Full PDB file with SEQRES, HELIX, SHEET, SSBOND, CRYST1, ORIGX, SCALE, CONECT and MASTER records, all heavy atoms in Angstrom:
SEQRES   1 A   30  ASP ASN ALA LYS ASN SER VAL TYR LEU GLN MET ASN SER          
SEQRES   2 A   30  LEU LYS THR GLU ASP LYS ASP VAL TYR PHE CYS ALA ALA          
SEQRES   3 A   30  ALA ARG ILE ILE                                              
HELIX    1 AA1 THR A   16  ASP A   18  5                                   3    
CRYST1    1.000    1.000    1.000  90.00  90.00  90.00 P 1           1          
ORIGX1      1.000000  0.000000  0.000000        0.00000                         
ORIGX2      0.000000  1.000000  0.000000        0.00000                         
ORIGX3      0.000000  0.000000  1.000000        0.00000                         
SCALE1      1.000000  0.000000  0.000000        0.00000                         
SCALE2      0.000000  1.000000  0.000000        0.00000                         
SCALE3      0.000000  0.000000  1.000000        0.00000                         
ATOM      1  N   ASP A   1      10.168 -17.042   3.065  1.00  0.00           N  
ATOM      2  CA  ASP A   1      10.475 -17.724   4.314  1.00  0.00           C  
ATOM      3  C   ASP A   1       9.153 -17.871   5.088  1.00  0.00           C  
ATOM      4  O   ASP A   1       8.627 -16.833   5.584  1.00  0.00           O  
ATOM      5  CB  ASP A   1      11.378 -16.772   5.031  1.00  0.00           C  
ATOM      6  CG  ASP A   1      11.965 -17.293   6.336  1.00  0.00           C  
ATOM      7  OD1 ASP A   1      11.273 -18.137   6.994  1.00  0.00           O  
ATOM      8  OD2 ASP A   1      13.000 -16.900   6.907  1.00  0.00           O  
ATOM      9  N   ASN A   2       8.590 -18.931   5.022  1.00  0.00           N  
ATOM     10  CA  ASN A   2       7.288 -19.160   5.781  1.00  0.00           C  
ATOM     11  C   ASN A   2       7.356 -19.036   7.236  1.00  0.00           C  
ATOM     12  O   ASN A   2       6.277 -18.621   7.776  1.00  0.00           O  
ATOM     13  CB  ASN A   2       6.785 -20.534   5.295  1.00  0.00           C  
ATOM     14  CG  ASN A   2       6.362 -20.690   3.917  1.00  0.00           C  
ATOM     15  OD1 ASN A   2       6.076 -19.623   3.244  1.00  0.00           O  
ATOM     16  ND2 ASN A   2       6.144 -21.790   3.407  1.00  0.00           N  
ATOM     17  N   ALA A   3       8.428 -19.211   7.763  1.00  0.00           N  
ATOM     18  CA  ALA A   3       8.632 -19.038   9.233  1.00  0.00           C  
ATOM     19  C   ALA A   3       8.461 -17.526   9.669  1.00  0.00           C  
ATOM     20  O   ALA A   3       8.027 -17.133  10.768  1.00  0.00           O  
ATOM     21  CB  ALA A   3       9.939 -19.533   9.827  1.00  0.00           C  
ATOM     22  N   LYS A   4       8.936 -16.686   8.592  1.00  0.00           N  
ATOM     23  CA  LYS A   4       8.717 -15.249   8.848  1.00  0.00           C  
ATOM     24  C   LYS A   4       7.538 -14.681   8.058  1.00  0.00           C  
ATOM     25  O   LYS A   4       7.383 -13.468   8.094  1.00  0.00           O  
ATOM     26  CB  LYS A   4      10.038 -14.653   8.385  1.00  0.00           C  
ATOM     27  CG  LYS A   4      11.348 -14.911   9.125  1.00  0.00           C  
ATOM     28  CD  LYS A   4      12.409 -14.159   8.631  1.00  0.00           C  
ATOM     29  CE  LYS A   4      13.718 -14.516   9.533  1.00  0.00           C  
ATOM     30  NZ  LYS A   4      14.831 -13.871   9.123  1.00  0.00           N  
ATOM     31  N   ASN A   5       6.751 -15.407   7.484  1.00  0.00           N  
ATOM     32  CA  ASN A   5       5.519 -15.007   6.646  1.00  0.00           C  
ATOM     33  C   ASN A   5       5.886 -13.953   5.690  1.00  0.00           C  
ATOM     34  O   ASN A   5       5.374 -12.955   5.644  1.00  0.00           O  
ATOM     35  CB  ASN A   5       4.497 -14.493   7.758  1.00  0.00           C  
ATOM     36  CG  ASN A   5       3.596 -15.582   8.197  1.00  0.00           C  
ATOM     37  OD1 ASN A   5       3.861 -16.752   8.047  1.00  0.00           O  
ATOM     38  ND2 ASN A   5       2.518 -15.154   8.895  1.00  0.00           N  
ATOM     39  N   SER A   6       7.015 -14.240   5.033  1.00  0.00           N  
ATOM     40  CA  SER A   6       7.478 -13.104   4.115  1.00  0.00           C  
ATOM     41  C   SER A   6       7.874 -13.860   2.751  1.00  0.00           C  
ATOM     42  O   SER A   6       8.242 -15.080   2.620  1.00  0.00           O  
ATOM     43  CB  SER A   6       8.785 -12.505   4.616  1.00  0.00           C  
ATOM     44  OG  SER A   6       8.428 -11.826   5.782  1.00  0.00           O  
ATOM     45  N   VAL A   7       7.824 -12.930   1.775  1.00  0.00           N  
ATOM     46  CA  VAL A   7       8.282 -13.298   0.328  1.00  0.00           C  
ATOM     47  C   VAL A   7       9.167 -12.211  -0.118  1.00  0.00           C  
ATOM     48  O   VAL A   7       8.802 -10.996   0.269  1.00  0.00           O  
ATOM     49  CB  VAL A   7       7.054 -13.592  -0.584  1.00  0.00           C  
ATOM     50  CG1 VAL A   7       6.137 -12.546  -0.729  1.00  0.00           C  
ATOM     51  CG2 VAL A   7       7.559 -14.135  -1.825  1.00  0.00           C  
ATOM     52  N   TYR A   8      10.102 -12.438  -0.925  1.00  0.00           N  
ATOM     53  CA  TYR A   8      11.115 -11.486  -1.358  1.00  0.00           C  
ATOM     54  C   TYR A   8      11.317 -11.466  -2.828  1.00  0.00           C  
ATOM     55  O   TYR A   8      11.081 -12.515  -3.533  1.00  0.00           O  
ATOM     56  CB  TYR A   8      12.400 -11.791  -0.611  1.00  0.00           C  
ATOM     57  CG  TYR A   8      12.447 -11.857   0.805  1.00  0.00           C  
ATOM     58  CD1 TYR A   8      12.312 -13.130   1.370  1.00  0.00           C  
ATOM     59  CD2 TYR A   8      12.253 -10.822   1.674  1.00  0.00           C  
ATOM     60  CE1 TYR A   8      12.156 -13.391   2.744  1.00  0.00           C  
ATOM     61  CE2 TYR A   8      12.207 -11.027   2.975  1.00  0.00           C  
ATOM     62  CZ  TYR A   8      12.154 -12.235   3.537  1.00  0.00           C  
ATOM     63  OH  TYR A   8      12.132 -12.456   5.000  1.00  0.00           O  
ATOM     64  N   LEU A   9      11.845 -10.453  -3.344  1.00  0.00           N  
ATOM     65  CA  LEU A   9      12.145 -10.221  -4.767  1.00  0.00           C  
ATOM     66  C   LEU A   9      13.522  -9.573  -4.827  1.00  0.00           C  
ATOM     67  O   LEU A   9      13.497  -8.362  -4.633  1.00  0.00           O  
ATOM     68  CB  LEU A   9      11.015  -9.653  -5.577  1.00  0.00           C  
ATOM     69  CG  LEU A   9      11.387  -9.541  -7.159  1.00  0.00           C  
ATOM     70  CD1 LEU A   9      11.188 -10.952  -7.703  1.00  0.00           C  
ATOM     71  CD2 LEU A   9      10.437  -8.667  -7.835  1.00  0.00           C  
ATOM     72  N   GLN A  10      14.522 -10.237  -5.069  1.00  0.00           N  
ATOM     73  CA  GLN A  10      15.955  -9.700  -5.299  1.00  0.00           C  
ATOM     74  C   GLN A  10      15.997  -9.340  -6.755  1.00  0.00           C  
ATOM     75  O   GLN A  10      15.853 -10.128  -7.603  1.00  0.00           O  
ATOM     76  CB  GLN A  10      16.955 -10.702  -4.840  1.00  0.00           C  
ATOM     77  CG  GLN A  10      18.370 -10.209  -5.069  1.00  0.00           C  
ATOM     78  CD  GLN A  10      18.761  -9.068  -4.203  1.00  0.00           C  
ATOM     79  OE1 GLN A  10      18.364  -9.120  -2.934  1.00  0.00           O  
ATOM     80  NE2 GLN A  10      19.392  -8.006  -4.725  1.00  0.00           N  
ATOM     81  N   MET A  11      16.219  -8.022  -7.021  1.00  0.00           N  
ATOM     82  CA  MET A  11      16.191  -7.528  -8.316  1.00  0.00           C  
ATOM     83  C   MET A  11      17.620  -6.985  -8.567  1.00  0.00           C  
ATOM     84  O   MET A  11      18.102  -5.951  -7.932  1.00  0.00           O  
ATOM     85  CB  MET A  11      15.228  -6.473  -8.478  1.00  0.00           C  
ATOM     86  CG  MET A  11      13.806  -6.834  -8.233  1.00  0.00           C  
ATOM     87  SD  MET A  11      12.598  -5.572  -8.735  1.00  0.00           S  
ATOM     88  CE  MET A  11      13.046  -4.248  -7.586  1.00  0.00           C  
ATOM     89  N   ASN A  12      18.386  -7.603  -9.444  1.00  0.00           N  
ATOM     90  CA  ASN A  12      19.773  -7.201  -9.840  1.00  0.00           C  
ATOM     91  C   ASN A  12      19.831  -6.725 -11.249  1.00  0.00           C  
ATOM     92  O   ASN A  12      18.810  -6.911 -11.951  1.00  0.00           O  
ATOM     93  CB  ASN A  12      20.670  -8.438  -9.697  1.00  0.00           C  
ATOM     94  CG  ASN A  12      20.799  -8.949  -8.303  1.00  0.00           C  
ATOM     95  OD1 ASN A  12      20.639  -8.180  -7.304  1.00  0.00           O  
ATOM     96  ND2 ASN A  12      21.036 -10.192  -8.049  1.00  0.00           N  
ATOM     97  N   SER A  13      20.893  -6.117 -11.573  1.00  0.00           N  
ATOM     98  CA  SER A  13      21.021  -5.639 -12.936  1.00  0.00           C  
ATOM     99  C   SER A  13      19.902  -4.832 -13.484  1.00  0.00           C  
ATOM    100  O   SER A  13      19.339  -5.013 -14.535  1.00  0.00           O  
ATOM    101  CB  SER A  13      21.406  -6.836 -13.844  1.00  0.00           C  
ATOM    102  OG  SER A  13      22.400  -7.481 -13.552  1.00  0.00           O  
ATOM    103  N   LEU A  14      19.390  -3.934 -12.596  1.00  0.00           N  
ATOM    104  CA  LEU A  14      18.124  -3.091 -12.879  1.00  0.00           C  
ATOM    105  C   LEU A  14      18.240  -2.402 -14.235  1.00  0.00           C  
ATOM    106  O   LEU A  14      19.339  -1.853 -14.453  1.00  0.00           O  
ATOM    107  CB  LEU A  14      17.878  -2.330 -11.749  1.00  0.00           C  
ATOM    108  CG  LEU A  14      17.094  -2.942 -10.666  1.00  0.00           C  
ATOM    109  CD1 LEU A  14      17.145  -2.166  -9.322  1.00  0.00           C  
ATOM    110  CD2 LEU A  14      15.822  -3.448 -10.846  1.00  0.00           C  
ATOM    111  N   LYS A  15      17.241  -2.253 -14.843  1.00  0.00           N  
ATOM    112  CA  LYS A  15      17.057  -1.460 -16.139  1.00  0.00           C  
ATOM    113  C   LYS A  15      16.091  -0.337 -15.882  1.00  0.00           C  
ATOM    114  O   LYS A  15      15.210  -0.441 -15.070  1.00  0.00           O  
ATOM    115  CB  LYS A  15      16.793  -2.403 -17.382  1.00  0.00           C  
ATOM    116  CG  LYS A  15      17.673  -3.545 -17.538  1.00  0.00           C  
ATOM    117  CD  LYS A  15      17.022  -4.459 -18.631  1.00  0.00           C  
ATOM    118  CE  LYS A  15      18.016  -5.684 -18.874  1.00  0.00           C  
ATOM    119  NZ  LYS A  15      17.451  -6.520 -19.972  1.00  0.00           N  
ATOM    120  N   THR A  16      16.228   0.642 -16.715  1.00  0.00           N  
ATOM    121  CA  THR A  16      15.285   1.723 -16.588  1.00  0.00           C  
ATOM    122  C   THR A  16      13.792   1.311 -16.863  1.00  0.00           C  
ATOM    123  O   THR A  16      12.879   1.816 -16.323  1.00  0.00           O  
ATOM    124  CB  THR A  16      15.652   2.901 -17.488  1.00  0.00           C  
ATOM    125  OG1 THR A  16      15.736   2.388 -18.821  1.00  0.00           O  
ATOM    126  CG2 THR A  16      16.950   3.502 -17.089  1.00  0.00           C  
ATOM    127  N   GLU A  17      13.654   0.315 -17.712  1.00  0.00           N  
ATOM    128  CA  GLU A  17      12.347  -0.221 -17.979  1.00  0.00           C  
ATOM    129  C   GLU A  17      11.745  -1.013 -16.871  1.00  0.00           C  
ATOM    130  O   GLU A  17      10.595  -1.452 -16.895  1.00  0.00           O  
ATOM    131  CB  GLU A  17      12.381  -1.038 -19.309  1.00  0.00           C  
ATOM    132  CG  GLU A  17      13.333  -2.133 -19.386  1.00  0.00           C  
ATOM    133  CD  GLU A  17      14.681  -1.734 -20.114  1.00  0.00           C  
ATOM    134  OE1 GLU A  17      15.092  -0.581 -19.845  1.00  0.00           O  
ATOM    135  OE2 GLU A  17      15.083  -2.564 -20.855  1.00  0.00           O  
ATOM    136  N   ASP A  18      12.574  -1.307 -15.694  1.00  0.00           N  
ATOM    137  CA  ASP A  18      11.972  -1.996 -14.507  1.00  0.00           C  
ATOM    138  C   ASP A  18      11.252  -0.881 -13.637  1.00  0.00           C  
ATOM    139  O   ASP A  18      10.634  -1.361 -12.674  1.00  0.00           O  
ATOM    140  CB  ASP A  18      13.097  -2.628 -13.721  1.00  0.00           C  
ATOM    141  CG  ASP A  18      13.792  -3.706 -14.587  1.00  0.00           C  
ATOM    142  OD1 ASP A  18      13.084  -4.589 -15.077  1.00  0.00           O  
ATOM    143  OD2 ASP A  18      15.018  -3.871 -14.483  1.00  0.00           O  
ATOM    144  N   LYS A  19      11.137   0.293 -14.023  1.00  0.00           N  
ATOM    145  CA  LYS A  19      10.514   1.312 -13.251  1.00  0.00           C  
ATOM    146  C   LYS A  19       8.992   1.001 -13.252  1.00  0.00           C  
ATOM    147  O   LYS A  19       8.401   1.084 -14.284  1.00  0.00           O  
ATOM    148  CB  LYS A  19      10.909   2.731 -13.709  1.00  0.00           C  
ATOM    149  CG  LYS A  19      10.033   3.731 -13.059  1.00  0.00           C  
ATOM    150  CD  LYS A  19      10.329   5.120 -13.771  1.00  0.00           C  
ATOM    151  CE  LYS A  19       9.434   6.151 -13.093  1.00  0.00           C  
ATOM    152  NZ  LYS A  19       8.012   6.060 -13.430  1.00  0.00           N  
ATOM    153  N   ASP A  20       8.395   0.735 -12.155  1.00  0.00           N  
ATOM    154  CA  ASP A  20       7.066   0.355 -11.942  1.00  0.00           C  
ATOM    155  C   ASP A  20       6.633   0.339 -10.603  1.00  0.00           C  
ATOM    156  O   ASP A  20       7.509   0.441  -9.669  1.00  0.00           O  
ATOM    157  CB  ASP A  20       6.789  -0.969 -12.610  1.00  0.00           C  
ATOM    158  CG  ASP A  20       6.423  -0.973 -14.127  1.00  0.00           C  
ATOM    159  OD1 ASP A  20       5.852   0.001 -14.576  1.00  0.00           O  
ATOM    160  OD2 ASP A  20       6.878  -2.050 -14.777  1.00  0.00           O  
ATOM    161  N   VAL A  21       5.392   0.247 -10.276  1.00  0.00           N  
ATOM    162  CA  VAL A  21       4.949  -0.139  -8.937  1.00  0.00           C  
ATOM    163  C   VAL A  21       4.801  -1.606  -8.845  1.00  0.00           C  
ATOM    164  O   VAL A  21       4.347  -2.317  -9.721  1.00  0.00           O  
ATOM    165  CB  VAL A  21       3.550   0.472  -8.654  1.00  0.00           C  
ATOM    166  CG1 VAL A  21       3.010   0.059  -7.241  1.00  0.00           C  
ATOM    167  CG2 VAL A  21       3.519   2.066  -8.795  1.00  0.00           C  
ATOM    168  N   TYR A  22       5.496  -2.127  -7.870  1.00  0.00           N  
ATOM    169  CA  TYR A  22       5.584  -3.570  -7.637  1.00  0.00           C  
ATOM    170  C   TYR A  22       4.608  -4.035  -6.529  1.00  0.00           C  
ATOM    171  O   TYR A  22       4.580  -3.491  -5.369  1.00  0.00           O  
ATOM    172  CB  TYR A  22       7.027  -4.089  -7.343  1.00  0.00           C  
ATOM    173  CG  TYR A  22       7.871  -3.926  -8.602  1.00  0.00           C  
ATOM    174  CD1 TYR A  22       8.286  -2.809  -9.040  1.00  0.00           C  
ATOM    175  CD2 TYR A  22       8.356  -5.172  -9.135  1.00  0.00           C  
ATOM    176  CE1 TYR A  22       9.099  -2.721 -10.377  1.00  0.00           C  
ATOM    177  CE2 TYR A  22       9.090  -5.187 -10.260  1.00  0.00           C  
ATOM    178  CZ  TYR A  22       9.523  -4.011 -10.814  1.00  0.00           C  
ATOM    179  OH  TYR A  22      10.326  -3.914 -11.894  1.00  0.00           O  
ATOM    180  N   PHE A  23       3.849  -5.136  -6.823  1.00  0.00           N  
ATOM    181  CA  PHE A  23       2.823  -5.673  -5.958  1.00  0.00           C  
ATOM    182  C   PHE A  23       3.253  -7.076  -5.609  1.00  0.00           C  
ATOM    183  O   PHE A  23       3.580  -7.896  -6.489  1.00  0.00           O  
ATOM    184  CB  PHE A  23       1.403  -5.607  -6.494  1.00  0.00           C  
ATOM    185  CG  PHE A  23       0.973  -4.305  -6.831  1.00  0.00           C  
ATOM    186  CD1 PHE A  23       1.307  -3.750  -8.172  1.00  0.00           C  
ATOM    187  CD2 PHE A  23       0.185  -3.523  -6.029  1.00  0.00           C  
ATOM    188  CE1 PHE A  23       0.863  -2.453  -8.453  1.00  0.00           C  
ATOM    189  CE2 PHE A  23      -0.273  -2.251  -6.355  1.00  0.00           C  
ATOM    190  CZ  PHE A  23       0.010  -1.752  -7.669  1.00  0.00           C  
ATOM    191  N   CYS A  24       3.003  -7.541  -4.325  1.00  0.00           N  
ATOM    192  CA  CYS A  24       2.935  -8.858  -3.992  1.00  0.00           C  
ATOM    193  C   CYS A  24       1.556  -9.270  -3.883  1.00  0.00           C  
ATOM    194  O   CYS A  24       0.704  -8.566  -3.591  1.00  0.00           O  
ATOM    195  CB  CYS A  24       3.824  -9.232  -2.857  1.00  0.00           C  
ATOM    196  SG  CYS A  24       3.096  -8.728  -1.263  1.00  0.00           S  
ATOM    197  N   ALA A  25       1.352 -10.642  -4.194  1.00  0.00           N  
ATOM    198  CA  ALA A  25      -0.045 -11.171  -4.271  1.00  0.00           C  
ATOM    199  C   ALA A  25      -0.112 -12.610  -3.840  1.00  0.00           C  
ATOM    200  O   ALA A  25       0.997 -13.367  -4.088  1.00  0.00           O  
ATOM    201  CB  ALA A  25      -0.554 -10.947  -5.612  1.00  0.00           C  
ATOM    202  N   ALA A  26      -1.195 -13.008  -3.195  1.00  0.00           N  
ATOM    203  CA  ALA A  26      -1.413 -14.354  -2.812  1.00  0.00           C  
ATOM    204  C   ALA A  26      -2.388 -14.979  -3.818  1.00  0.00           C  
ATOM    205  O   ALA A  26      -3.413 -14.398  -4.090  1.00  0.00           O  
ATOM    206  CB  ALA A  26      -1.953 -14.364  -1.404  1.00  0.00           C  
ATOM    207  N   ALA A  27      -2.009 -16.096  -4.256  1.00  0.00           N  
ATOM    208  CA  ALA A  27      -2.854 -16.754  -5.283  1.00  0.00           C  
ATOM    209  C   ALA A  27      -3.977 -17.548  -4.463  1.00  0.00           C  
ATOM    210  O   ALA A  27      -3.879 -17.916  -3.469  1.00  0.00           O  
ATOM    211  CB  ALA A  27      -2.118 -17.747  -6.047  1.00  0.00           C  
ATOM    212  N   ARG A  28      -5.160 -17.705  -5.369  1.00  0.00           N  
ATOM    213  CA  ARG A  28      -6.172 -18.552  -4.743  1.00  0.00           C  
ATOM    214  C   ARG A  28      -5.730 -19.965  -4.433  1.00  0.00           C  
ATOM    215  O   ARG A  28      -6.118 -20.606  -3.545  1.00  0.00           O  
ATOM    216  CB  ARG A  28      -7.462 -18.592  -5.646  1.00  0.00           C  
ATOM    217  CG  ARG A  28      -8.099 -17.270  -5.700  1.00  0.00           C  
ATOM    218  CD  ARG A  28      -9.301 -17.339  -6.530  1.00  0.00           C  
ATOM    219  NE  ARG A  28     -10.010 -16.032  -6.747  1.00  0.00           N  
ATOM    220  CZ  ARG A  28      -9.705 -15.157  -7.653  1.00  0.00           C  
ATOM    221  NH1 ARG A  28      -8.820 -15.292  -8.491  1.00  0.00           N  
ATOM    222  NH2 ARG A  28     -10.368 -13.994  -7.638  1.00  0.00           N  
ATOM    223  N   ILE A  29      -4.842 -20.442  -5.323  1.00  0.00           N  
ATOM    224  CA  ILE A  29      -4.399 -21.882  -5.256  1.00  0.00           C  
ATOM    225  C   ILE A  29      -3.570 -22.020  -3.989  1.00  0.00           C  
ATOM    226  O   ILE A  29      -2.571 -21.194  -3.699  1.00  0.00           O  
ATOM    227  CB  ILE A  29      -3.678 -22.228  -6.523  1.00  0.00           C  
ATOM    228  CG1 ILE A  29      -3.489 -23.719  -6.681  1.00  0.00           C  
ATOM    229  CG2 ILE A  29      -2.398 -21.477  -6.616  1.00  0.00           C  
ATOM    230  CD1 ILE A  29      -3.015 -24.219  -8.056  1.00  0.00           C  
ATOM    231  N   ILE A  30      -3.805 -23.143  -3.256  1.00  0.00           N  
ATOM    232  CA  ILE A  30      -2.940 -23.422  -2.053  1.00  0.00           C  
ATOM    233  C   ILE A  30      -2.493 -24.808  -2.116  1.00  0.00           C  
ATOM    234  O   ILE A  30      -3.099 -25.675  -2.872  1.00  0.00           O  
ATOM    235  CB  ILE A  30      -3.818 -23.205  -0.861  1.00  0.00           C  
ATOM    236  CG1 ILE A  30      -5.051 -24.141  -0.818  1.00  0.00           C  
ATOM    237  CG2 ILE A  30      -4.306 -21.739  -0.721  1.00  0.00           C  
ATOM    238  CD1 ILE A  30      -5.695 -24.083   0.498  1.00  0.00           C  
TER     239      ILE A  30                                                      
MASTER        0    0    0    1    0    0    0    6  238    1    0    3          
END                                                                             
């Protein structure tokens, strides 16, 4: 949502192997 300066990740059907530290990142490409 660019109006809110936000990005989201909806994660459903989670598995035990999804256990991690999650990072958001901005790419150099614009």
